């Protein structure tokens, strides 16, 4: 009875790596199939985001330097909003303001 159990246990131990290998193989096949399905599709308007804009954009670093040049305090961040830039600024004393900057020219439009 004991040798039969030992043989069965040895057989099961030998099969475990084979089932893992088969599962890995199925996973690779599935990944390959997914890669084939994810081919880019052409549709109207594709690539408009990458198309050159009609006017040159202001560099966010230049925008930040322009805002810093005439203001006391410190810059907290720059983000893009609707084609323009918004510079978050903290004045001495703790007041925080959003400064609107034109996205094409880089000129400061105003303080919120």
Protein backbone atom coordinates (compact mmCIF):
# COMPACT_ATOMS: atom_id res chain seq x y z
CA UNK A 1 0.00 0.00 0.00
CA UNK A 2 2.80 2.40 0.87
CA UNK A 3 4.64 1.98 -2.49
CA UNK A 4 1.41 2.71 -4.39
CA UNK A 5 0.93 5.98 -2.51
CA UNK A 6 4.55 6.89 -3.13
CA UNK A 7 4.16 6.21 -6.85
CA UNK A 8 0.94 8.21 -7.06
CA UNK A 9 2.50 11.12 -5.20
CA UNK A 10 5.56 11.04 -7.46
CA UNK A 11 3.30 10.98 -10.53
CA UNK A 12 1.30 13.97 -9.31
CA UNK A 13 4.45 15.92 -8.52
CA UNK A 14 5.74 15.18 -12.03
CA UNK A 15 2.48 16.43 -13.64
CA UNK A 16 2.34 19.80 -11.85
CA UNK A 17 5.17 21.43 -13.89
CA UNK A 18 3.56 20.18 -17.11
CA UNK A 19 0.23 21.87 -16.30
CA UNK A 20 2.03 25.13 -15.44
CA UNK A 21 3.90 25.01 -18.75
CA UNK A 22 0.67 24.43 -20.66
CA UNK A 23 -0.98 27.37 -18.90
CA UNK A 24 1.97 29.63 -19.74
CA UNK A 25 1.79 28.54 -23.35
CA UNK A 26 -1.93 29.38 -23.51
CA UNK A 27 -1.16 32.81 -22.02
CA UNK A 28 1.47 33.53 -24.69
CA UNK A 29 -0.93 32.47 -27.44
CA UNK A 30 -3.64 34.71 -26.00
CA UNK A 31 -1.22 37.68 -25.86
CA UNK A 32 -0.26 37.11 -29.48
CA UNK A 33 -3.93 37.05 -30.50
CA UNK A 34 -4.56 40.30 -28.59
CA UNK A 35 -1.63 41.96 -30.38
CA UNK A 36 -3.13 41.00 -33.73
CA UNK A 37 -6.53 42.42 -32.77
CA UNK A 38 -5.12 45.75 -31.57
CA UNK A 39 -4.03 46.99 -34.97
CA UNK A 40 -4.63 50.72 -35.44
CA UNK A 41 -7.77 51.59 -37.32
CA UNK A 42 -8.21 54.51 -39.67
CA UNK A 43 -11.16 56.77 -39.05
CA UNK A 44 -12.09 60.34 -40.01
CA UNK A 45 -10.22 62.93 -37.99
CA UNK A 46 -7.47 60.56 -36.91
CA UNK A 47 -4.20 62.35 -36.26
CA UNK A 48 -5.73 65.80 -35.78
CA UNK A 49 -4.27 65.94 -32.30
CA UNK A 50 -0.80 65.44 -33.79
CA UNK A 51 -1.30 67.92 -36.61
CA UNK A 52 0.66 71.16 -36.38
CA UNK A 53 -1.27 73.98 -34.78
CA UNK A 54 -1.95 77.18 -36.69
CA UNK A 55 0.08 79.34 -34.28
CA UNK A 56 3.16 78.45 -32.23
CA UNK A 57 2.56 77.55 -28.59
CA UNK A 58 4.24 79.30 -25.71
CA UNK A 59 6.64 77.12 -23.72
CA UNK A 60 5.37 76.41 -20.17
CA UNK A 61 8.85 77.18 -18.78
CA UNK A 62 8.87 80.58 -20.48
CA UNK A 63 5.37 81.26 -19.19
CA UNK A 64 6.49 80.46 -15.63
CA UNK A 65 9.57 82.72 -15.93
CA UNK A 66 7.49 85.59 -17.29
CA UNK A 67 5.03 85.35 -14.38
CA UNK A 68 7.85 85.10 -11.83
CA UNK A 69 9.75 88.11 -13.13
CA UNK A 70 7.43 90.79 -11.70
CA UNK A 71 5.72 89.14 -8.75
CA UNK A 72 6.69 88.52 -5.16
CA UNK A 73 5.95 85.04 -3.87
CA UNK A 74 6.35 81.60 -5.36
CA UNK A 75 4.91 79.50 -8.14
CA UNK A 76 2.89 76.44 -7.11
CA UNK A 77 2.31 74.98 -10.58
CA UNK A 78 1.47 75.47 -14.26
CA UNK A 79 -1.36 73.71 -16.11
CA UNK A 80 -3.02 74.03 -19.48
CA UNK A 81 -6.68 75.03 -19.70
CA UNK A 82 -8.50 75.56 -22.98
CA UNK A 83 -5.40 76.44 -25.00
CA UNK A 84 -4.12 78.87 -22.35
CA UNK A 85 -1.95 78.38 -19.29
CA UNK A 86 -2.92 78.89 -15.68
CA UNK A 87 -0.10 79.56 -13.24
CA UNK A 88 -1.00 78.96 -9.60
CA UNK A 89 0.84 81.55 -7.51
CA UNK A 90 1.23 82.05 -3.76
CA UNK A 91 1.84 85.63 -2.68
CA UNK A 92 3.62 86.55 0.56
CA UNK A 93 1.09 86.22 3.36
CA UNK A 94 -0.38 82.99 1.92
CA UNK A 95 -2.90 84.31 -0.64
CA UNK A 96 -3.12 81.90 -3.61
CA UNK A 97 -4.13 83.12 -7.05
CA UNK A 98 -4.52 81.66 -10.55
CA UNK A 99 -2.81 83.80 -13.18
CA UNK A 100 -4.19 83.46 -16.74
CA UNK A 101 -1.55 83.42 -19.50
CA UNK A 102 -2.21 83.41 -23.25
CA UNK A 103 -1.25 80.01 -24.68
CA UNK A 104 0.15 81.38 -27.94
CA UNK A 105 1.87 84.65 -27.04
CA UNK A 106 2.75 83.86 -23.43
CA UNK A 107 1.41 87.25 -22.25
CA UNK A 108 -0.21 87.50 -18.84
CA UNK A 109 -3.94 88.15 -19.18
CA UNK A 110 -4.92 88.60 -15.59
CA UNK A 111 -5.11 87.47 -11.99
CA UNK A 112 -8.06 85.58 -10.46
